[in-house]
Amino acid sequence: MRDTVEHLATPHRTSGVDLVVRQAVESDIPELVRLRALLFEDLGGEYFNPASGGDDWRHRLALVLKERLAEDRPAGASARIFVVDGDDGLAACGIGTVDQWFPGPHNPSGRVGHVIGVVTDPAYRRRGHSRAIMRALLGWFREREASRVDLYASPEGEPLYRALGFVDHPDPALYWRP
């Protein structure tokens, strides 16, 4: 059996189970917020779950998701959210964005893709959901002519990303918080 990837011509076989990867819609927002919260719980630590964080971020996330889903025109979208449905809600989701940077010899289009959190509900893990979502995202990045795609991998996700062709980035990853 084949996975069906809506809006993408790259079907993928996963243990004989039909997975349908589709673009998220506005009615998915509560589930997208739930899955993002699971991701941050899994990552843990003061950075991802600061004691002062509260729950206001969930409301803000829902607003941003609603804006991004509304702008999701096929030709000009700067973000794409793919999901796989579960029995009662979403089984998995993944968010990709494309930023227009300045072109250079190492980045002819100037477009850089970012994978922003692929997460699978614990009840659906180890069944190919994240792989199917990543293949959908990689197809979308190709369509958007991204010269490279960046992501930060959890220890659990790193083997999947390496199997899909991700390698160590040549630049050191640093961050600054005002």
N, C-alpha and C. Protein backbone atom coordinates (compact mmCIF):
# COMPACT_ATOMS: atom_id res chain seq x y z
N MET A 1 0.84 -1.19 0.00
CA MET A 1 0.00 0.00 0.00
C MET A 1 0.87 1.24 0.00
N ARG A 2 0.33 2.33 -0.53
CA ARG A 2 1.11 3.56 -0.61
C ARG A 2 0.50 4.62 0.29
N ASP A 3 1.41 5.52 0.79
CA ASP A 3 0.92 6.72 1.46
C ASP A 3 0.37 7.63 0.39
N THR A 4 -0.59 8.42 0.71
CA THR A 4 -1.06 9.45 -0.20
C THR A 4 -0.61 10.78 0.38
N VAL A 5 0.10 11.54 -0.41
CA VAL A 5 0.56 12.84 0.03
C VAL A 5 -0.17 13.87 -0.80
N GLU A 6 -1.19 14.48 -0.24
CA GLU A 6 -1.96 15.47 -0.97
C GLU A 6 -1.08 16.67 -1.29
N HIS A 7 -1.24 17.21 -2.48
CA HIS A 7 -0.48 18.37 -2.96
C HIS A 7 0.98 18.02 -3.19
N LEU A 8 1.31 16.75 -3.30
CA LEU A 8 2.70 16.36 -3.50
C LEU A 8 2.73 15.10 -4.35
N ALA A 9 3.72 14.99 -5.20
CA ALA A 9 3.81 13.83 -6.08
C ALA A 9 4.84 12.83 -5.59
N THR A 10 5.13 12.79 -4.30
CA THR A 10 6.13 11.89 -3.77
C THR A 10 5.52 10.92 -2.76
N PRO A 11 4.79 9.89 -3.25
CA PRO A 11 4.23 8.92 -2.31
C PRO A 11 5.35 8.13 -1.64
N HIS A 12 5.06 7.56 -0.50
CA HIS A 12 6.07 6.88 0.30
C HIS A 12 5.44 5.68 1.00
N ARG A 13 6.07 4.56 0.94
CA ARG A 13 5.55 3.32 1.54
C ARG A 13 6.01 3.22 2.99
N THR A 14 5.07 2.92 3.88
CA THR A 14 5.39 2.80 5.30
C THR A 14 4.72 1.57 5.89
N SER A 15 5.44 0.49 6.03
CA SER A 15 4.98 -0.72 6.72
C SER A 15 3.60 -1.17 6.26
N GLY A 16 3.26 -0.99 5.00
CA GLY A 16 1.99 -1.45 4.49
C GLY A 16 0.78 -0.68 4.99
N VAL A 17 0.99 0.45 5.64
CA VAL A 17 -0.11 1.24 6.19
C VAL A 17 -0.31 2.48 5.33
N ASP A 18 -1.55 2.80 5.02
CA ASP A 18 -1.84 4.01 4.26
C ASP A 18 -1.79 5.22 5.18
N LEU A 19 -0.90 6.14 4.87
CA LEU A 19 -0.84 7.42 5.57
C LEU A 19 -1.19 8.49 4.56
N VAL A 20 -2.02 9.41 4.95
CA VAL A 20 -2.34 10.54 4.09
C VAL A 20 -1.75 11.77 4.75
N VAL A 21 -0.79 12.37 4.08
CA VAL A 21 -0.21 13.63 4.54
C VAL A 21 -0.97 14.73 3.81
N ARG A 22 -1.52 15.65 4.58
CA ARG A 22 -2.29 16.74 3.99
C ARG A 22 -1.86 18.06 4.59
N GLN A 23 -2.24 19.13 3.92
CA GLN A 23 -1.99 20.46 4.47
C GLN A 23 -2.95 20.70 5.62
N ALA A 24 -2.46 21.36 6.65
CA ALA A 24 -3.32 21.70 7.78
C ALA A 24 -4.36 22.72 7.35
N VAL A 25 -5.48 22.71 8.04
CA VAL A 25 -6.55 23.68 7.83
C VAL A 25 -6.87 24.32 9.18
N GLU A 26 -7.65 25.39 9.15
CA GLU A 26 -7.93 26.15 10.37
C GLU A 26 -8.52 25.29 11.49
N SER A 27 -9.34 24.32 11.15
CA SER A 27 -9.94 23.48 12.20
C SER A 27 -8.91 22.59 12.90
N ASP A 28 -7.68 22.47 12.35
CA ASP A 28 -6.61 21.69 12.98
C ASP A 28 -5.88 22.47 14.07
N ILE A 29 -6.13 23.76 14.20
CA ILE A 29 -5.33 24.60 15.10
C ILE A 29 -5.29 24.07 16.53
N PRO A 30 -6.39 23.70 17.16
CA PRO A 30 -6.27 23.18 18.53
C PRO A 30 -5.33 21.97 18.63
N GLU A 31 -5.39 21.08 17.65
CA GLU A 31 -4.51 19.91 17.66
C GLU A 31 -3.06 20.30 17.38
N LEU A 32 -2.83 21.28 16.51
CA LEU A 32 -1.47 21.75 16.25
C LEU A 32 -0.88 22.33 17.52
N VAL A 33 -1.65 23.09 18.26
CA VAL A 33 -1.18 23.65 19.54
C VAL A 33 -0.87 22.51 20.52
N ARG A 34 -1.74 21.52 20.58
CA ARG A 34 -1.50 20.36 21.47
C ARG A 34 -0.20 19.65 21.13
N LEU A 35 0.02 19.41 19.83
CA LEU A 35 1.25 18.71 19.43
C LEU A 35 2.49 19.55 19.69
N ARG A 36 2.42 20.87 19.45
CA ARG A 36 3.58 21.73 19.75
C ARG A 36 3.88 21.69 21.26
N ALA A 37 2.85 21.67 22.09
CA ALA A 37 3.06 21.58 23.55
C ALA A 37 3.74 20.25 23.89
N LEU A 38 3.35 19.16 23.23
CA LEU A 38 4.01 17.87 23.45
C LEU A 38 5.48 17.94 23.07
N LEU A 39 5.78 18.61 21.98
CA LEU A 39 7.17 18.76 21.54
C LEU A 39 7.99 19.46 22.62
N PHE A 40 7.48 20.56 23.15
CA PHE A 40 8.23 21.30 24.17
C PHE A 40 8.36 20.50 25.46
N GLU A 41 7.33 19.73 25.81
CA GLU A 41 7.44 18.86 26.99
C GLU A 41 8.53 17.82 26.78
N ASP A 42 8.58 17.22 25.58
CA ASP A 42 9.60 16.22 25.27
C ASP A 42 11.00 16.82 25.32
N LEU A 43 11.15 18.04 24.80
CA LEU A 43 12.47 18.67 24.77
C LEU A 43 12.90 19.09 26.17
N GLY A 44 11.94 19.53 26.97
CA GLY A 44 12.20 19.86 28.38
C GLY A 44 13.22 20.95 28.58
N GLY A 45 13.64 21.11 29.82
CA GLY A 45 14.66 22.09 30.18
C GLY A 45 14.12 23.51 30.27
N GLU A 46 14.91 24.36 30.85
CA GLU A 46 14.52 25.76 31.09
C GLU A 46 14.33 26.53 29.79
N TYR A 47 15.06 26.19 28.74
CA TYR A 47 14.91 26.92 27.49
C TYR A 47 13.54 26.66 26.85
N PHE A 48 13.13 25.40 26.76
CA PHE A 48 11.88 25.05 26.08
C PHE A 48 10.67 25.12 27.00
N ASN A 49 10.88 25.01 28.28
CA ASN A 49 9.79 25.08 29.26
C ASN A 49 10.18 25.99 30.42
N PRO A 50 10.37 27.29 30.15
CA PRO A 50 10.78 28.17 31.23
C PRO A 50 9.70 28.27 32.31
N ALA A 51 10.13 28.36 33.54
CA ALA A 51 9.20 28.46 34.66
C ALA A 51 8.27 29.66 34.50
N SER A 52 8.76 30.71 33.87
CA SER A 52 7.98 31.94 33.70
C SER A 52 7.14 31.91 32.42
N GLY A 53 7.14 30.79 31.68
CA GLY A 53 6.50 30.72 30.38
C GLY A 53 4.99 30.87 30.39
N GLY A 54 4.32 30.29 31.35
CA GLY A 54 2.86 30.36 31.39
C GLY A 54 2.23 29.70 30.18
N ASP A 55 0.94 29.96 29.97
CA ASP A 55 0.22 29.36 28.85
C ASP A 55 -0.16 30.37 27.77
N ASP A 56 0.23 31.64 27.93
CA ASP A 56 -0.12 32.65 26.94
C ASP A 56 0.45 32.32 25.56
N TRP A 57 1.57 31.60 25.52
CA TRP A 57 2.17 31.26 24.24
C TRP A 57 1.23 30.42 23.38
N ARG A 58 0.39 29.61 24.02
CA ARG A 58 -0.53 28.76 23.27
C ARG A 58 -1.53 29.62 22.48
N HIS A 59 -2.05 30.64 23.13
CA HIS A 59 -2.98 31.55 22.46
C HIS A 59 -2.27 32.27 21.32
N ARG A 60 -1.07 32.75 21.58
CA ARG A 60 -0.30 33.44 20.53
C ARG A 60 0.03 32.50 19.38
N LEU A 61 0.37 31.26 19.69
CA LEU A 61 0.64 30.27 18.64
C LEU A 61 -0.60 30.06 17.79
N ALA A 62 -1.76 29.93 18.42
CA ALA A 62 -3.00 29.73 17.67
C ALA A 62 -3.25 30.90 16.72
N LEU A 63 -2.97 32.12 17.16
CA LEU A 63 -3.16 33.29 16.29
C LEU A 63 -2.21 33.26 15.10
N VAL A 64 -0.95 32.93 15.35
CA VAL A 64 0.03 32.87 14.26
C VAL A 64 -0.32 31.74 13.29
N LEU A 65 -0.72 30.60 13.82
CA LEU A 65 -1.12 29.49 12.94
C LEU A 65 -2.29 29.90 12.06
N LYS A 66 -3.26 30.59 12.63
CA LYS A 66 -4.41 31.04 11.86
C LYS A 66 -3.98 31.99 10.74
N GLU A 67 -3.07 32.92 11.05
CA GLU A 67 -2.56 33.84 10.03
C GLU A 67 -1.83 33.09 8.93
N ARG A 68 -0.95 32.17 9.31
CA ARG A 68 -0.16 31.44 8.32
C ARG A 68 -1.03 30.55 7.45
N LEU A 69 -2.03 29.91 8.04
CA LEU A 69 -2.92 29.06 7.24
C LEU A 69 -3.75 29.89 6.28
N ALA A 70 -4.11 31.11 6.66
CA ALA A 70 -4.88 31.99 5.78
C ALA A 70 -4.05 32.47 4.60
N GLU A 71 -2.75 32.63 4.78
CA GLU A 71 -1.88 33.12 3.69
C GLU A 71 -1.35 31.99 2.83
N ASP A 72 -1.71 30.78 3.13
CA ASP A 72 -1.11 29.61 2.49
C ASP A 72 -1.57 29.44 1.06
N ARG A 73 -1.17 30.39 0.21
CA ARG A 73 -1.42 30.29 -1.23
C ARG A 73 -0.33 29.42 -1.84
N PRO A 74 -0.69 28.54 -2.75
CA PRO A 74 0.31 27.60 -3.29
C PRO A 74 1.56 28.26 -3.85
N ALA A 75 1.44 29.34 -4.60
CA ALA A 75 2.62 29.91 -5.26
C ALA A 75 3.48 30.76 -4.33
N GLY A 76 2.88 31.48 -3.40
CA GLY A 76 3.66 32.43 -2.64
C GLY A 76 3.76 32.18 -1.16
N ALA A 77 3.34 31.04 -0.69
CA ALA A 77 3.34 30.77 0.74
C ALA A 77 4.76 30.73 1.29
N SER A 78 4.96 31.34 2.45
CA SER A 78 6.27 31.29 3.09
C SER A 78 6.29 30.24 4.19
N ALA A 79 5.16 29.59 4.45
CA ALA A 79 5.09 28.52 5.44
C ALA A 79 4.15 27.43 4.93
N ARG A 80 4.43 26.22 5.35
CA ARG A 80 3.56 25.10 5.01
C ARG A 80 3.49 24.21 6.24
N ILE A 81 2.29 23.78 6.58
CA ILE A 81 2.07 22.89 7.71
C ILE A 81 1.42 21.63 7.18
N PHE A 82 2.11 20.51 7.38
CA PHE A 82 1.58 19.22 6.97
C PHE A 82 1.17 18.42 8.20
N VAL A 83 0.12 17.62 8.05
CA VAL A 83 -0.38 16.82 9.15
C VAL A 83 -0.75 15.43 8.66
N VAL A 84 -0.81 14.50 9.61
CA VAL A 84 -1.35 13.16 9.39
C VAL A 84 -2.43 13.00 10.46
N ASP A 85 -3.62 12.60 10.01
CA ASP A 85 -4.73 12.41 10.94
C ASP A 85 -4.57 11.12 11.72
N GLY A 86 -5.01 11.16 12.99
CA GLY A 86 -5.10 9.97 13.83
C GLY A 86 -6.55 9.59 14.00
N ASP A 87 -6.80 8.69 14.91
CA ASP A 87 -8.18 8.27 15.15
C ASP A 87 -9.02 9.38 15.77
N ASP A 88 -8.46 10.09 16.73
CA ASP A 88 -9.17 11.17 17.43
C ASP A 88 -8.28 12.40 17.47
N GLY A 89 -8.14 13.10 16.36
CA GLY A 89 -7.25 14.25 16.29
C GLY A 89 -6.08 13.97 15.38
N LEU A 90 -5.06 14.79 15.51
CA LEU A 90 -3.88 14.64 14.66
C LEU A 90 -2.90 13.64 15.27
N ALA A 91 -2.31 12.82 14.40
CA ALA A 91 -1.27 11.89 14.82
C ALA A 91 0.10 12.57 14.77
N ALA A 92 0.29 13.48 13.81
CA ALA A 92 1.59 14.11 13.63
C ALA A 92 1.45 15.40 12.84
N CYS A 93 2.45 16.25 13.00
CA CYS A 93 2.49 17.49 12.22
C CYS A 93 3.94 17.91 12.02
N GLY A 94 4.13 18.76 11.03
CA GLY A 94 5.43 19.35 10.76
C GLY A 94 5.25 20.68 10.08
N ILE A 95 6.07 21.64 10.47
CA ILE A 95 5.97 23.00 9.93
C ILE A 95 7.27 23.32 9.20
N GLY A 96 7.12 23.90 8.03
CA GLY A 96 8.27 24.37 7.27
C GLY A 96 8.08 25.83 6.91
N THR A 97 9.16 26.57 6.89
CA THR A 97 9.12 27.95 6.42
C THR A 97 10.25 28.15 5.42
N VAL A 98 10.08 29.14 4.56
CA VAL A 98 11.13 29.54 3.62
C VAL A 98 11.34 31.02 3.78
N ASP A 99 12.59 31.40 4.03
CA ASP A 99 12.98 32.80 4.15
C ASP A 99 13.77 33.20 2.92
N GLN A 100 13.56 34.43 2.47
CA GLN A 100 14.34 34.95 1.35
C GLN A 100 15.54 35.68 1.92
N TRP A 101 16.72 35.09 1.79
CA TRP A 101 17.97 35.71 2.19
C TRP A 101 18.61 36.30 0.94
N PHE A 102 19.78 36.86 1.10
CA PHE A 102 20.51 37.41 -0.03
C PHE A 102 21.25 36.30 -0.75
N PRO A 103 21.09 36.16 -2.08
CA PRO A 103 21.79 35.12 -2.82
C PRO A 103 23.30 35.25 -2.73
N GLY A 104 23.97 34.15 -2.87
CA GLY A 104 25.42 34.10 -2.87
C GLY A 104 25.86 32.85 -3.59
N PRO A 105 27.17 32.64 -3.75
CA PRO A 105 27.64 31.47 -4.48
C PRO A 105 27.23 30.15 -3.82
N HIS A 106 27.05 30.15 -2.52
CA HIS A 106 26.65 28.95 -1.78
C HIS A 106 25.12 28.82 -1.69
N ASN A 107 24.40 29.86 -2.11
CA ASN A 107 22.95 29.89 -2.00
C ASN A 107 22.39 30.72 -3.16
N PRO A 108 22.37 30.15 -4.37
CA PRO A 108 22.02 30.93 -5.57
C PRO A 108 20.64 31.58 -5.54
N SER A 109 19.64 30.91 -4.95
CA SER A 109 18.30 31.50 -4.91
C SER A 109 18.13 32.45 -3.74
N GLY A 110 18.99 32.30 -2.73
CA GLY A 110 18.83 33.08 -1.52
C GLY A 110 17.73 32.54 -0.62
N ARG A 111 17.08 31.47 -1.01
CA ARG A 111 15.98 30.92 -0.22
C ARG A 111 16.51 29.83 0.72
N VAL A 112 16.15 29.97 1.99
CA VAL A 112 16.56 29.01 3.00
C VAL A 112 15.31 28.45 3.68
N GLY A 113 15.21 27.13 3.67
CA GLY A 113 14.09 26.47 4.33
C GLY A 113 14.44 26.15 5.77
N HIS A 114 13.41 26.11 6.59
CA HIS A 114 13.57 25.76 8.00
C HIS A 114 12.48 24.77 8.38
N VAL A 115 12.87 23.69 9.00
CA VAL A 115 11.90 22.75 9.56
C VAL A 115 11.67 23.19 10.99
N ILE A 116 10.43 23.52 11.29
CA ILE A 116 10.08 24.07 12.60
C ILE A 116 9.26 23.03 13.35
N GLY A 117 9.91 22.07 13.92
CA GLY A 117 9.24 21.13 14.80
C GLY A 117 8.35 20.12 14.13
N VAL A 118 8.87 18.93 13.89
CA VAL A 118 8.07 17.79 13.48
C VAL A 118 7.79 17.01 14.77
N VAL A 119 6.53 16.72 15.00
CA VAL A 119 6.17 16.01 16.24
C VAL A 119 5.07 15.00 15.96
N THR A 120 5.21 13.84 16.59
CA THR A 120 4.22 12.78 16.48
C THR A 120 3.68 12.48 17.87
N ASP A 121 2.37 12.36 17.97
CA ASP A 121 1.73 11.98 19.23
C ASP A 121 2.33 10.64 19.68
N PRO A 122 2.61 10.49 20.99
CA PRO A 122 3.24 9.25 21.47
C PRO A 122 2.51 7.96 21.05
N ALA A 123 1.20 8.02 20.92
CA ALA A 123 0.42 6.83 20.54
C ALA A 123 0.69 6.39 19.09
N TYR A 124 1.30 7.27 18.29
CA TYR A 124 1.51 6.98 16.86
C TYR A 124 2.99 6.90 16.48
N ARG A 125 3.87 6.96 17.44
CA ARG A 125 5.30 6.98 17.11
C ARG A 125 5.78 5.63 16.58
N ARG A 126 6.88 5.70 15.81
CA ARG A 126 7.55 4.54 15.22
C ARG A 126 6.70 3.86 14.15
N ARG A 127 5.86 4.66 13.45
CA ARG A 127 5.01 4.11 12.39
C ARG A 127 5.23 4.83 11.05
N GLY A 128 6.23 5.72 10.98
CA GLY A 128 6.53 6.39 9.72
C GLY A 128 5.85 7.73 9.51
N HIS A 129 5.13 8.23 10.51
CA HIS A 129 4.43 9.50 10.36
C HIS A 129 5.39 10.67 10.15
N SER A 130 6.44 10.74 10.96
CA SER A 130 7.39 11.85 10.82
C SER A 130 8.13 11.77 9.50
N ARG A 131 8.48 10.57 9.07
CA ARG A 131 9.16 10.40 7.77
C ARG A 131 8.26 10.89 6.64
N ALA A 132 6.98 10.52 6.68
CA ALA A 132 6.05 10.95 5.64
C ALA A 132 5.89 12.47 5.64
N ILE A 133 5.81 13.06 6.82
CA ILE A 133 5.70 14.52 6.91
C ILE A 133 6.98 15.18 6.38
N MET A 134 8.13 14.64 6.74
CA MET A 134 9.39 15.22 6.27
C MET A 134 9.50 15.12 4.75
N ARG A 135 9.07 14.02 4.17
CA ARG A 135 9.12 13.91 2.71
C ARG A 135 8.21 14.94 2.05
N ALA A 136 7.05 15.18 2.66
CA ALA A 136 6.16 16.21 2.13
C ALA A 136 6.82 17.58 2.24
N LEU A 137 7.43 17.87 3.39
CA LEU A 137 8.11 19.16 3.56
C LEU A 137 9.27 19.31 2.57
N LEU A 138 10.07 18.26 2.40
CA LEU A 138 11.20 18.35 1.48
C LEU A 138 10.73 18.59 0.05
N GLY A 139 9.62 17.98 -0.34
CA GLY A 139 9.05 18.25 -1.66
C GLY A 139 8.63 19.71 -1.79
N TRP A 140 8.02 20.25 -0.74
CA TRP A 140 7.59 21.65 -0.76
C TRP A 140 8.81 22.58 -0.83
N PHE A 141 9.86 22.26 -0.09
CA PHE A 141 11.08 23.08 -0.16
C PHE A 141 11.66 23.07 -1.57
N ARG A 142 11.63 21.92 -2.24
CA ARG A 142 12.10 21.84 -3.63
C ARG A 142 11.25 22.74 -4.53
N GLU A 143 9.93 22.67 -4.36
CA GLU A 143 9.04 23.51 -5.16
C GLU A 143 9.33 25.00 -4.95
N ARG A 144 9.70 25.37 -3.75
CA ARG A 144 9.97 26.77 -3.40
C ARG A 144 11.41 27.15 -3.74
N GLU A 145 12.19 26.24 -4.31
CA GLU A 145 13.57 26.45 -4.74
C GLU A 145 14.48 26.88 -3.59
N ALA A 146 14.28 26.27 -2.42
CA ALA A 146 15.19 26.53 -1.30
C ALA A 146 16.55 25.92 -1.63
N SER A 147 17.61 26.70 -1.42
CA SER A 147 18.96 26.21 -1.70
C SER A 147 19.46 25.28 -0.61
N ARG A 148 18.90 25.42 0.59
CA ARG A 148 19.24 24.51 1.68
C ARG A 148 18.08 24.53 2.67
N VAL A 149 18.05 23.52 3.52
CA VAL A 149 17.03 23.41 4.56
C VAL A 149 17.74 23.17 5.88
N ASP A 150 17.43 23.99 6.87
CA ASP A 150 18.03 23.88 8.20
C ASP A 150 17.01 23.31 9.18
N LEU A 151 17.50 22.60 10.16
CA LEU A 151 16.65 22.15 11.26
C LEU A 151 17.52 21.88 12.48
N TYR A 152 16.86 21.84 13.62
CA TYR A 152 17.48 21.43 14.87
C TYR A 152 16.85 20.10 15.22
N ALA A 153 17.67 19.09 15.46
CA ALA A 153 17.17 17.75 15.70
C ALA A 153 17.26 17.38 17.16
N SER A 154 16.21 16.75 17.66
CA SER A 154 16.29 16.13 18.98
C SER A 154 17.12 14.86 18.83
N PRO A 155 17.64 14.33 19.92
CA PRO A 155 18.39 13.07 19.81
C PRO A 155 17.55 11.95 19.19
N GLU A 156 16.24 11.92 19.49
CA GLU A 156 15.38 10.88 18.94
C GLU A 156 15.13 11.08 17.45
N GLY A 157 15.09 12.32 16.98
CA GLY A 157 14.81 12.60 15.59
C GLY A 157 16.02 12.58 14.68
N GLU A 158 17.20 12.73 15.24
CA GLU A 158 18.41 12.85 14.42
C GLU A 158 18.62 11.69 13.45
N PRO A 159 18.42 10.43 13.85
CA PRO A 159 18.62 9.35 12.87
C PRO A 159 17.71 9.47 11.64
N LEU A 160 16.47 9.88 11.83
CA LEU A 160 15.57 10.06 10.69
C LEU A 160 16.11 11.14 9.77
N TYR A 161 16.49 12.28 10.32
CA TYR A 161 16.96 13.39 9.49
C TYR A 161 18.23 13.01 8.74
N ARG A 162 19.14 12.31 9.40
CA ARG A 162 20.36 11.87 8.71
C ARG A 162 20.02 10.88 7.59
N ALA A 163 19.05 9.99 7.83
CA ALA A 163 18.64 9.04 6.80
C ALA A 163 18.03 9.76 5.59
N LEU A 164 17.45 10.94 5.83
CA LEU A 164 16.88 11.74 4.73
C LEU A 164 17.91 12.63 4.05
N GLY A 165 19.17 12.57 4.49
CA GLY A 165 20.23 13.31 3.84
C GLY A 165 20.73 14.54 4.55
N PHE A 166 20.23 14.82 5.75
CA PHE A 166 20.73 15.98 6.50
C PHE A 166 22.10 15.67 7.07
N VAL A 167 22.97 16.67 7.05
CA VAL A 167 24.34 16.54 7.53
C VAL A 167 24.62 17.68 8.49
N ASP A 168 25.78 17.61 9.17
CA ASP A 168 26.17 18.69 10.08
C ASP A 168 26.32 19.99 9.30
N HIS A 169 25.84 21.06 9.90
CA HIS A 169 25.90 22.38 9.28
C HIS A 169 27.32 22.92 9.39
N PRO A 170 27.83 23.61 8.35
CA PRO A 170 29.20 24.13 8.41
C PRO A 170 29.37 25.32 9.36
N ASP A 171 28.27 25.99 9.69
CA ASP A 171 28.35 27.13 10.61
C ASP A 171 28.02 26.69 12.03
N PRO A 172 28.68 27.28 13.01
CA PRO A 172 28.30 26.96 14.39
C PRO A 172 26.93 27.55 14.69
N ALA A 173 26.13 26.83 15.47
CA ALA A 173 24.81 27.33 15.85
C ALA A 173 24.94 28.12 17.16
N LEU A 174 24.65 29.39 17.08
CA LEU A 174 24.66 30.26 18.26
C LEU A 174 23.31 30.94 18.34
N TYR A 175 22.95 31.44 19.50
CA TYR A 175 21.74 32.23 19.60
C TYR A 175 21.94 33.31 20.65
N TRP A 176 21.08 34.32 20.59
CA TRP A 176 21.09 35.45 21.50
C TRP A 176 19.66 35.77 21.87
N ARG A 177 19.41 36.03 23.13
CA ARG A 177 18.07 36.42 23.58
C ARG A 177 18.15 37.79 24.24
N PRO A 178 17.38 38.74 23.73
CA PRO A 178 17.41 40.08 24.35
C PRO A 178 16.76 40.08 25.73
